[in-house]
Amino acid sequence: MDLQHIIQACKKNDTKAQRLLYEKYDSRFFAVCKRYFVNVHEAEDALVKGFLKIFQHINSFSNEGNFEGWMHRIIVNECLMEIRKNKTFLLNIEDHNKSLHADNIINEDNGDIMQLLNLLPEGCRIVFVLYVIEGYKHKEIAEQLSISEGTSKSQLNLAKTKLKDLFNKYPNLKANLL
């Protein structure tokens, strides 16, 4: 069944089509969720809730535009809602000064960017993902996270600095993030 047929069947609440759509995109969107959550269970919760919203609102998709982009936006918004709901978005001074204990997590042969991102304090990681990976502007990030634009900018700079420090500490990492 092609994507258009799956979408049409999902609009009719066809559970088999919903399962097909979920199975087609779950790993891709789980990777998106893991960018926002260090805890795998939180990422899974956001993924499931995001797909529930996709199925609840699939009739609002007008078949014009990119369906994957539409779903991606819902998943990202669900991640941000979960972050706001479950945690106060605090950017503690402790987070700024937190030492990165990468020795136990990264070995010189592993260039997994997610491991590096997960070492960042939560505020830095979320702002970095939204700005660098998702392409949000600082104004949008500030609105989504209820922080100032200046805080968004400083968190991005702090994330870049900490990532550069990690790259300097582990020169064999094969990453071209910054």
N, C-alpha and C. Protein backbone atom coordinates (compact mmCIF):
# COMPACT_ATOMS: atom_id res chain seq x y z
N MET A 1 0.85 -1.17 0.00
CA MET A 1 0.00 0.00 0.00
C MET A 1 0.91 1.24 0.00
N ASP A 2 0.67 2.16 -0.92
CA ASP A 2 1.50 3.36 -0.98
C ASP A 2 1.03 4.38 0.08
N LEU A 3 1.84 5.40 0.27
CA LEU A 3 1.61 6.36 1.35
C LEU A 3 0.25 7.04 1.22
N GLN A 4 -0.15 7.42 0.03
CA GLN A 4 -1.44 8.10 -0.14
C GLN A 4 -2.60 7.21 0.29
N HIS A 5 -2.52 5.93 -0.05
CA HIS A 5 -3.58 5.00 0.36
C HIS A 5 -3.57 4.80 1.88
N ILE A 6 -2.39 4.76 2.46
CA ILE A 6 -2.28 4.62 3.91
C ILE A 6 -2.91 5.84 4.59
N ILE A 7 -2.60 7.03 4.09
CA ILE A 7 -3.16 8.26 4.66
C ILE A 7 -4.68 8.25 4.57
N GLN A 8 -5.19 7.91 3.40
CA GLN A 8 -6.65 7.88 3.23
C GLN A 8 -7.30 6.87 4.16
N ALA A 9 -6.68 5.71 4.32
CA ALA A 9 -7.23 4.70 5.22
C ALA A 9 -7.14 5.16 6.68
N CYS A 10 -6.06 5.85 7.03
CA CYS A 10 -5.94 6.38 8.39
C CYS A 10 -7.02 7.42 8.66
N LYS A 11 -7.38 8.19 7.65
CA LYS A 11 -8.44 9.18 7.81
C LYS A 11 -9.78 8.51 8.11
N LYS A 12 -9.90 7.23 7.76
CA LYS A 12 -11.11 6.46 8.03
C LYS A 12 -10.96 5.61 9.30
N ASN A 13 -9.93 5.93 10.09
CA ASN A 13 -9.64 5.22 11.34
C ASN A 13 -9.36 3.74 11.14
N ASP A 14 -8.76 3.39 10.02
CA ASP A 14 -8.39 2.00 9.75
C ASP A 14 -7.16 1.66 10.59
N THR A 15 -7.32 0.75 11.55
CA THR A 15 -6.23 0.43 12.48
C THR A 15 -5.06 -0.25 11.78
N LYS A 16 -5.33 -1.02 10.74
CA LYS A 16 -4.23 -1.65 10.00
C LYS A 16 -3.38 -0.59 9.30
N ALA A 17 -4.03 0.40 8.74
CA ALA A 17 -3.30 1.49 8.09
C ALA A 17 -2.52 2.30 9.11
N GLN A 18 -3.13 2.52 10.28
CA GLN A 18 -2.42 3.25 11.33
C GLN A 18 -1.17 2.48 11.76
N ARG A 19 -1.30 1.17 11.87
CA ARG A 19 -0.14 0.35 12.23
C ARG A 19 0.93 0.45 11.14
N LEU A 20 0.52 0.40 9.87
CA LEU A 20 1.48 0.52 8.76
C LEU A 20 2.20 1.86 8.80
N LEU A 21 1.45 2.93 9.03
CA LEU A 21 2.06 4.26 9.09
C LEU A 21 3.04 4.34 10.26
N TYR A 22 2.62 3.83 11.40
CA TYR A 22 3.50 3.84 12.57
C TYR A 22 4.78 3.06 12.29
N GLU A 23 4.64 1.86 11.75
CA GLU A 23 5.81 1.02 11.49
C GLU A 23 6.72 1.61 10.42
N LYS A 24 6.13 2.36 9.50
CA LYS A 24 6.93 2.98 8.44
C LYS A 24 7.81 4.12 9.00
N TYR A 25 7.32 4.83 10.00
CA TYR A 25 8.01 6.03 10.47
C TYR A 25 8.48 5.98 11.92
N ASP A 26 8.19 4.93 12.65
CA ASP A 26 8.51 4.96 14.08
C ASP A 26 10.00 5.10 14.36
N SER A 27 10.85 4.41 13.61
CA SER A 27 12.29 4.52 13.90
C SER A 27 12.83 5.90 13.55
N ARG A 28 12.34 6.48 12.47
CA ARG A 28 12.79 7.82 12.08
C ARG A 28 12.39 8.86 13.13
N PHE A 29 11.15 8.79 13.58
CA PHE A 29 10.69 9.78 14.55
C PHE A 29 11.17 9.48 15.97
N PHE A 30 11.48 8.22 16.25
CA PHE A 30 12.09 7.90 17.55
C PHE A 30 13.46 8.57 17.64
N ALA A 31 14.19 8.57 16.53
CA ALA A 31 15.49 9.25 16.50
C ALA A 31 15.32 10.74 16.78
N VAL A 32 14.24 11.34 16.26
CA VAL A 32 13.95 12.75 16.53
C VAL A 32 13.69 12.94 18.03
N CYS A 33 12.87 12.06 18.60
CA CYS A 33 12.54 12.18 20.03
C CYS A 33 13.77 12.02 20.91
N LYS A 34 14.68 11.13 20.52
CA LYS A 34 15.88 10.91 21.33
C LYS A 34 16.79 12.13 21.35
N ARG A 35 16.63 13.03 20.39
CA ARG A 35 17.41 14.27 20.41
C ARG A 35 17.02 15.14 21.60
N TYR A 36 15.78 15.02 22.03
CA TYR A 36 15.26 15.88 23.08
C TYR A 36 15.33 15.25 24.47
N PHE A 37 15.38 13.92 24.53
CA PHE A 37 15.34 13.23 25.81
C PHE A 37 16.52 12.29 25.94
N VAL A 38 17.21 12.36 27.06
CA VAL A 38 18.28 11.41 27.34
C VAL A 38 17.65 10.08 27.74
N ASN A 39 16.57 10.15 28.48
CA ASN A 39 15.86 8.96 28.95
C ASN A 39 15.06 8.36 27.79
N VAL A 40 15.34 7.10 27.48
CA VAL A 40 14.69 6.42 26.35
C VAL A 40 13.18 6.32 26.57
N HIS A 41 12.76 6.12 27.82
CA HIS A 41 11.33 5.98 28.10
C HIS A 41 10.59 7.29 27.84
N GLU A 42 11.21 8.41 28.15
CA GLU A 42 10.60 9.70 27.85
C GLU A 42 10.48 9.90 26.35
N ALA A 43 11.51 9.49 25.62
CA ALA A 43 11.47 9.59 24.15
C ALA A 43 10.36 8.71 23.58
N GLU A 44 10.22 7.51 24.12
CA GLU A 44 9.16 6.60 23.66
C GLU A 44 7.79 7.18 23.95
N ASP A 45 7.61 7.75 25.15
CA ASP A 45 6.33 8.37 25.50
C ASP A 45 5.98 9.50 24.54
N ALA A 46 6.95 10.34 24.25
CA ALA A 46 6.71 11.45 23.32
C ALA A 46 6.37 10.93 21.93
N LEU A 47 7.04 9.87 21.51
CA LEU A 47 6.77 9.28 20.20
C LEU A 47 5.33 8.77 20.13
N VAL A 48 4.93 8.01 21.13
CA VAL A 48 3.57 7.44 21.13
C VAL A 48 2.53 8.55 21.18
N LYS A 49 2.73 9.53 22.04
CA LYS A 49 1.78 10.65 22.13
C LYS A 49 1.75 11.44 20.82
N GLY A 50 2.91 11.59 20.20
CA GLY A 50 2.96 12.27 18.91
C GLY A 50 2.17 11.53 17.84
N PHE A 51 2.33 10.22 17.78
CA PHE A 51 1.56 9.44 16.80
C PHE A 51 0.07 9.48 17.10
N LEU A 52 -0.30 9.47 18.37
CA LEU A 52 -1.72 9.60 18.70
C LEU A 52 -2.27 10.92 18.17
N LYS A 53 -1.50 11.99 18.32
CA LYS A 53 -1.95 13.29 17.78
C LYS A 53 -2.02 13.25 16.26
N ILE A 54 -1.05 12.58 15.64
CA ILE A 54 -1.08 12.46 14.18
C ILE A 54 -2.38 11.78 13.76
N PHE A 55 -2.73 10.68 14.42
CA PHE A 55 -3.94 9.95 14.05
C PHE A 55 -5.20 10.76 14.38
N GLN A 56 -5.18 11.50 15.48
CA GLN A 56 -6.33 12.31 15.86
C GLN A 56 -6.56 13.48 14.89
N HIS A 57 -5.47 13.99 14.32
CA HIS A 57 -5.58 15.19 13.49
C HIS A 57 -5.28 14.93 12.01
N ILE A 58 -5.23 13.68 11.62
CA ILE A 58 -4.85 13.36 10.25
C ILE A 58 -5.84 13.94 9.24
N ASN A 59 -7.09 14.12 9.65
CA ASN A 59 -8.08 14.72 8.75
C ASN A 59 -7.77 16.18 8.44
N SER A 60 -6.97 16.82 9.28
CA SER A 60 -6.61 18.21 9.01
C SER A 60 -5.48 18.32 7.98
N PHE A 61 -4.83 17.19 7.66
CA PHE A 61 -3.82 17.22 6.60
C PHE A 61 -4.55 17.25 5.27
N SER A 62 -4.25 18.26 4.47
CA SER A 62 -5.03 18.52 3.26
C SER A 62 -4.48 17.83 2.02
N ASN A 63 -3.54 16.92 2.17
CA ASN A 63 -2.91 16.23 1.04
C ASN A 63 -2.10 17.18 0.16
N GLU A 64 -1.92 18.40 0.61
CA GLU A 64 -1.05 19.34 -0.08
C GLU A 64 0.16 19.56 0.82
N GLY A 65 1.30 19.56 0.25
CA GLY A 65 2.50 19.72 1.06
C GLY A 65 3.09 18.37 1.43
N ASN A 66 4.07 18.43 2.29
CA ASN A 66 4.84 17.26 2.65
C ASN A 66 4.25 16.60 3.89
N PHE A 67 3.73 15.40 3.75
CA PHE A 67 3.13 14.68 4.86
C PHE A 67 4.16 14.36 5.94
N GLU A 68 5.35 13.94 5.53
CA GLU A 68 6.40 13.65 6.51
C GLU A 68 6.76 14.90 7.30
N GLY A 69 6.83 16.04 6.63
CA GLY A 69 7.12 17.29 7.32
C GLY A 69 6.02 17.65 8.31
N TRP A 70 4.78 17.39 7.92
CA TRP A 70 3.63 17.64 8.79
C TRP A 70 3.74 16.77 10.05
N MET A 71 4.04 15.50 9.86
CA MET A 71 4.19 14.58 11.00
C MET A 71 5.38 14.99 11.87
N HIS A 72 6.48 15.35 11.22
CA HIS A 72 7.69 15.75 11.95
C HIS A 72 7.40 16.92 12.88
N ARG A 73 6.65 17.88 12.39
CA ARG A 73 6.31 19.06 13.19
C ARG A 73 5.48 18.66 14.42
N ILE A 74 4.55 17.73 14.23
CA ILE A 74 3.73 17.25 15.34
C ILE A 74 4.60 16.54 16.38
N ILE A 75 5.52 15.71 15.92
CA ILE A 75 6.40 14.97 16.83
C ILE A 75 7.28 15.95 17.62
N VAL A 76 7.88 16.92 16.94
CA VAL A 76 8.73 17.91 17.63
C VAL A 76 7.90 18.69 18.64
N ASN A 77 6.71 19.14 18.24
CA ASN A 77 5.85 19.88 19.16
C ASN A 77 5.48 19.04 20.37
N GLU A 78 5.24 17.76 20.16
CA GLU A 78 4.92 16.87 21.28
C GLU A 78 6.12 16.74 22.22
N CYS A 79 7.31 16.63 21.67
CA CYS A 79 8.51 16.59 22.51
C CYS A 79 8.62 17.85 23.36
N LEU A 80 8.40 18.99 22.74
CA LEU A 80 8.49 20.25 23.47
C LEU A 80 7.40 20.36 24.54
N MET A 81 6.20 19.87 24.22
CA MET A 81 5.12 19.89 25.21
C MET A 81 5.46 18.99 26.40
N GLU A 82 6.03 17.84 26.13
CA GLU A 82 6.42 16.93 27.21
C GLU A 82 7.51 17.56 28.08
N ILE A 83 8.45 18.23 27.46
CA ILE A 83 9.51 18.90 28.22
C ILE A 83 8.91 19.97 29.13
N ARG A 84 8.01 20.78 28.57
CA ARG A 84 7.38 21.84 29.36
C ARG A 84 6.52 21.26 30.48
N LYS A 85 5.81 20.18 30.17
CA LYS A 85 4.89 19.59 31.14
C LYS A 85 5.63 18.89 32.28
N ASN A 86 6.65 18.14 31.95
CA ASN A 86 7.31 17.29 32.94
C ASN A 86 8.42 17.99 33.71
N LYS A 87 8.94 19.05 33.15
CA LYS A 87 10.07 19.69 33.80
C LYS A 87 9.95 21.19 33.64
N THR A 88 10.34 21.87 34.66
CA THR A 88 10.48 23.31 34.52
C THR A 88 11.78 23.52 33.77
N PHE A 89 11.71 24.30 32.73
CA PHE A 89 12.90 24.51 31.90
C PHE A 89 13.85 25.43 32.63
N LEU A 90 14.60 24.84 33.54
CA LEU A 90 15.54 25.61 34.34
C LEU A 90 16.93 25.51 33.74
N LEU A 91 17.57 26.61 33.66
CA LEU A 91 18.94 26.65 33.18
C LEU A 91 19.81 27.02 34.37
N ASN A 92 20.01 26.06 35.23
CA ASN A 92 20.73 26.29 36.48
C ASN A 92 22.19 26.59 36.23
N ILE A 93 22.75 27.35 37.12
CA ILE A 93 24.18 27.61 37.06
C ILE A 93 24.94 26.30 37.24
N GLU A 94 24.36 25.34 37.97
CA GLU A 94 24.99 24.03 38.13
C GLU A 94 25.14 23.35 36.78
N ASP A 95 24.14 23.48 35.92
CA ASP A 95 24.22 22.89 34.59
C ASP A 95 25.36 23.52 33.79
N HIS A 96 25.54 24.82 33.95
CA HIS A 96 26.60 25.49 33.21
C HIS A 96 27.97 25.00 33.64
N ASN A 97 28.09 24.69 34.91
CA ASN A 97 29.39 24.29 35.44
C ASN A 97 29.56 22.79 35.53
N LYS A 98 28.55 22.06 35.14
CA LYS A 98 28.59 20.61 35.23
C LYS A 98 29.74 20.07 34.39
N SER A 99 30.57 19.27 34.99
CA SER A 99 31.66 18.70 34.21
C SER A 99 31.13 17.55 33.40
N LEU A 100 31.66 17.39 32.22
CA LEU A 100 31.22 16.34 31.32
C LEU A 100 32.08 15.10 31.56
N HIS A 101 31.46 14.06 32.04
CA HIS A 101 32.18 12.83 32.31
C HIS A 101 32.11 11.93 31.09
N ALA A 102 32.77 12.33 30.04
CA ALA A 102 32.70 11.63 28.77
C ALA A 102 33.55 10.37 28.75
N ASP A 103 34.53 10.27 29.62
CA ASP A 103 35.44 9.13 29.59
C ASP A 103 34.70 7.80 29.67
N ASN A 104 33.64 7.76 30.44
CA ASN A 104 32.90 6.52 30.62
C ASN A 104 31.89 6.27 29.51
N ILE A 105 31.60 7.26 28.71
CA ILE A 105 30.54 7.14 27.71
C ILE A 105 31.08 7.05 26.30
N ILE A 106 32.13 7.80 26.01
CA ILE A 106 32.64 7.87 24.65
C ILE A 106 33.98 7.17 24.59
N ASN A 107 34.14 6.31 23.62
CA ASN A 107 35.48 5.81 23.36
C ASN A 107 35.94 6.44 22.06
N GLU A 108 37.20 6.41 21.80
CA GLU A 108 37.78 7.14 20.68
C GLU A 108 37.29 6.62 19.32
N ASP A 109 36.75 5.42 19.29
CA ASP A 109 36.30 4.85 18.02
C ASP A 109 34.84 5.15 17.72
N ASN A 110 34.14 5.74 18.64
CA ASN A 110 32.70 5.93 18.48
C ASN A 110 32.40 7.40 18.22
N GLY A 111 31.85 7.70 17.05
CA GLY A 111 31.53 9.07 16.70
C GLY A 111 30.06 9.37 16.80
N ASP A 112 29.34 8.70 17.66
CA ASP A 112 27.90 8.88 17.78
C ASP A 112 27.58 10.26 18.34
N ILE A 113 27.01 11.09 17.51
CA ILE A 113 26.69 12.47 17.89
C ILE A 113 25.68 12.52 19.02
N MET A 114 24.74 11.58 19.03
CA MET A 114 23.74 11.59 20.10
C MET A 114 24.39 11.41 21.47
N GLN A 115 25.42 10.61 21.54
CA GLN A 115 26.11 10.45 22.83
C GLN A 115 26.70 11.78 23.27
N LEU A 116 27.25 12.51 22.33
CA LEU A 116 27.81 13.82 22.67
C LEU A 116 26.71 14.78 23.12
N LEU A 117 25.62 14.81 22.37
CA LEU A 117 24.53 15.72 22.72
C LEU A 117 23.95 15.38 24.08
N ASN A 118 23.88 14.09 24.39
CA ASN A 118 23.32 13.69 25.67
C ASN A 118 24.20 14.07 26.85
N LEU A 119 25.44 14.43 26.59
CA LEU A 119 26.33 14.89 27.66
C LEU A 119 26.08 16.35 28.02
N LEU A 120 25.41 17.07 27.14
CA LEU A 120 25.14 18.49 27.39
C LEU A 120 24.06 18.64 28.45
N PRO A 121 24.11 19.73 29.22
CA PRO A 121 22.99 20.03 30.12
C PRO A 121 21.70 20.14 29.30
N GLU A 122 20.59 19.81 29.91
CA GLU A 122 19.32 19.74 29.19
C GLU A 122 19.01 21.01 28.39
N GLY A 123 19.15 22.17 29.00
CA GLY A 123 18.82 23.41 28.30
C GLY A 123 19.67 23.61 27.06
N CYS A 124 20.96 23.36 27.19
CA CYS A 124 21.87 23.49 26.04
C CYS A 124 21.50 22.52 24.94
N ARG A 125 21.25 21.27 25.33
CA ARG A 125 20.93 20.24 24.34
C ARG A 125 19.66 20.58 23.56
N ILE A 126 18.63 20.98 24.27
CA ILE A 126 17.35 21.25 23.61
C ILE A 126 17.48 22.44 22.67
N VAL A 127 18.11 23.51 23.12
CA VAL A 127 18.30 24.68 22.26
C VAL A 127 19.16 24.32 21.05
N PHE A 128 20.23 23.56 21.27
CA PHE A 128 21.10 23.15 20.17
C PHE A 128 20.32 22.35 19.13
N VAL A 129 19.54 21.39 19.58
CA VAL A 129 18.76 20.56 18.66
C VAL A 129 17.76 21.41 17.89
N LEU A 130 17.05 22.28 18.59
CA LEU A 130 16.05 23.12 17.91
C LEU A 130 16.70 24.05 16.89
N TYR A 131 17.82 24.65 17.24
CA TYR A 131 18.45 25.63 16.36
C TYR A 131 19.23 24.96 15.22
N VAL A 132 20.12 24.05 15.56
CA VAL A 132 21.03 23.48 14.57
C VAL A 132 20.37 22.39 13.75
N ILE A 133 19.65 21.49 14.40
CA ILE A 133 19.10 20.34 13.70
C ILE A 133 17.73 20.62 13.12
N GLU A 134 16.85 21.24 13.91
CA GLU A 134 15.48 21.49 13.45
C GLU A 134 15.34 22.78 12.66
N GLY A 135 16.28 23.71 12.81
CA GLY A 135 16.24 24.94 12.02
C GLY A 135 15.37 26.04 12.58
N TYR A 136 15.02 25.97 13.85
CA TYR A 136 14.23 27.03 14.46
C TYR A 136 15.08 28.29 14.62
N LYS A 137 14.43 29.43 14.66
CA LYS A 137 15.08 30.70 14.95
C LYS A 137 15.05 30.91 16.47
N HIS A 138 15.93 31.77 16.97
CA HIS A 138 15.98 32.01 18.41
C HIS A 138 14.64 32.53 18.94
N LYS A 139 13.96 33.35 18.17
CA LYS A 139 12.67 33.86 18.60
C LYS A 139 11.67 32.72 18.79
N GLU A 140 11.66 31.78 17.84
CA GLU A 140 10.74 30.63 17.93
C GLU A 140 11.10 29.74 19.12
N ILE A 141 12.40 29.54 19.33
CA ILE A 141 12.85 28.72 20.46
C ILE A 141 12.41 29.37 21.77
N ALA A 142 12.61 30.68 21.86
CA ALA A 142 12.23 31.40 23.06
C ALA A 142 10.73 31.25 23.34
N GLU A 143 9.92 31.35 22.30
CA GLU A 143 8.47 31.20 22.47
C GLU A 143 8.11 29.77 22.89
N GLN A 144 8.71 28.78 22.23
CA GLN A 144 8.40 27.38 22.52
C GLN A 144 8.78 27.00 23.94
N LEU A 145 9.90 27.51 24.43
CA LEU A 145 10.42 27.10 25.73
C LEU A 145 10.16 28.11 26.85
N SER A 146 9.48 29.20 26.51
CA SER A 146 9.19 30.25 27.50
C SER A 146 10.46 30.79 28.15
N ILE A 147 11.43 31.09 27.30
CA ILE A 147 12.68 31.70 27.75
C ILE A 147 12.92 32.94 26.88
N SER A 148 13.91 33.73 27.22
CA SER A 148 14.21 34.91 26.40
C SER A 148 15.08 34.49 25.21
N GLU A 149 15.09 35.34 24.19
CA GLU A 149 15.96 35.09 23.03
C GLU A 149 17.42 35.07 23.47
N GLY A 150 17.77 35.95 24.39
CA GLY A 150 19.14 35.99 24.89
C GLY A 150 19.54 34.68 25.56
N THR A 151 18.62 34.10 26.32
CA THR A 151 18.89 32.81 26.95
C THR A 151 19.09 31.74 25.89
N SER A 152 18.26 31.78 24.86
CA SER A 152 18.40 30.81 23.77
C SER A 152 19.78 30.93 23.13
N LYS A 153 20.19 32.16 22.86
CA LYS A 153 21.50 32.39 22.22
C LYS A 153 22.64 31.94 23.13
N SER A 154 22.53 32.25 24.41
CA SER A 154 23.62 31.87 25.32
C SER A 154 23.68 30.36 25.50
N GLN A 155 22.53 29.70 25.51
CA GLN A 155 22.52 28.24 25.63
C GLN A 155 23.12 27.59 24.38
N LEU A 156 22.84 28.16 23.21
CA LEU A 156 23.43 27.64 21.98
C LEU A 156 24.95 27.81 22.01
N ASN A 157 25.41 28.98 22.41
CA ASN A 157 26.86 29.21 22.49
C ASN A 157 27.52 28.28 23.50
N LEU A 158 26.87 28.08 24.63
CA LEU A 158 27.41 27.18 25.64
C LEU A 158 27.46 25.75 25.10
N ALA A 159 26.42 25.33 24.39
CA ALA A 159 26.41 23.98 23.80
C ALA A 159 27.55 23.83 22.81
N LYS A 160 27.74 24.83 21.95
CA LYS A 160 28.82 24.75 20.97
C LYS A 160 30.18 24.69 21.66
N THR A 161 30.35 25.49 22.70
CA THR A 161 31.62 25.49 23.43
C THR A 161 31.88 24.13 24.06
N LYS A 162 30.87 23.57 24.70
CA LYS A 162 31.05 22.26 25.35
C LYS A 162 31.31 21.17 24.32
N LEU A 163 30.63 21.24 23.16
CA LEU A 163 30.87 20.25 22.11
C LEU A 163 32.28 20.39 21.54
N LYS A 164 32.73 21.63 21.35
CA LYS A 164 34.10 21.84 20.87
C LYS A 164 35.11 21.28 21.86
N ASP A 165 34.85 21.49 23.15
CA ASP A 165 35.73 20.92 24.18
C ASP A 165 35.79 19.40 24.07
N LEU A 166 34.64 18.79 23.85
CA LEU A 166 34.61 17.33 23.70
C LEU A 166 35.37 16.89 22.45
N PHE A 167 35.18 17.63 21.36
CA PHE A 167 35.91 17.28 20.13
C PHE A 167 37.41 17.43 20.33
N ASN A 168 37.82 18.46 21.08
CA ASN A 168 39.25 18.64 21.36
C ASN A 168 39.78 17.53 22.27
N LYS A 169 38.96 17.12 23.21
CA LYS A 169 39.37 16.07 24.13
C LYS A 169 39.45 14.72 23.43
N TYR A 170 38.59 14.52 22.43
CA TYR A 170 38.54 13.26 21.69
C TYR A 170 38.75 13.56 20.21
N PRO A 171 39.99 13.82 19.78
CA PRO A 171 40.25 14.27 18.41
C PRO A 171 39.90 13.23 17.34
N ASN A 172 39.75 11.98 17.72
CA ASN A 172 39.44 10.95 16.72
C ASN A 172 37.96 10.87 16.39
N LEU A 173 37.14 11.67 17.05
CA LEU A 173 35.72 11.66 16.72
C LEU A 173 35.54 12.17 15.29
N LYS A 174 34.83 11.42 14.50
CA LYS A 174 34.61 11.79 13.10
C LYS A 174 33.29 12.52 12.99
N ALA A 175 33.25 13.77 13.41
CA ALA A 175 32.02 14.53 13.36
C ALA A 175 32.31 15.92 12.82
N ASN A 176 31.37 16.42 12.07
CA ASN A 176 31.52 17.76 11.53
C ASN A 176 30.27 18.56 11.88
N LEU A 177 30.04 18.71 13.18
CA LEU A 177 28.85 19.40 13.64
C LEU A 177 28.98 20.91 13.59
N LEU A 178 30.12 21.40 14.05
CA LEU A 178 30.20 22.84 14.29
C LEU A 178 30.81 23.58 13.17
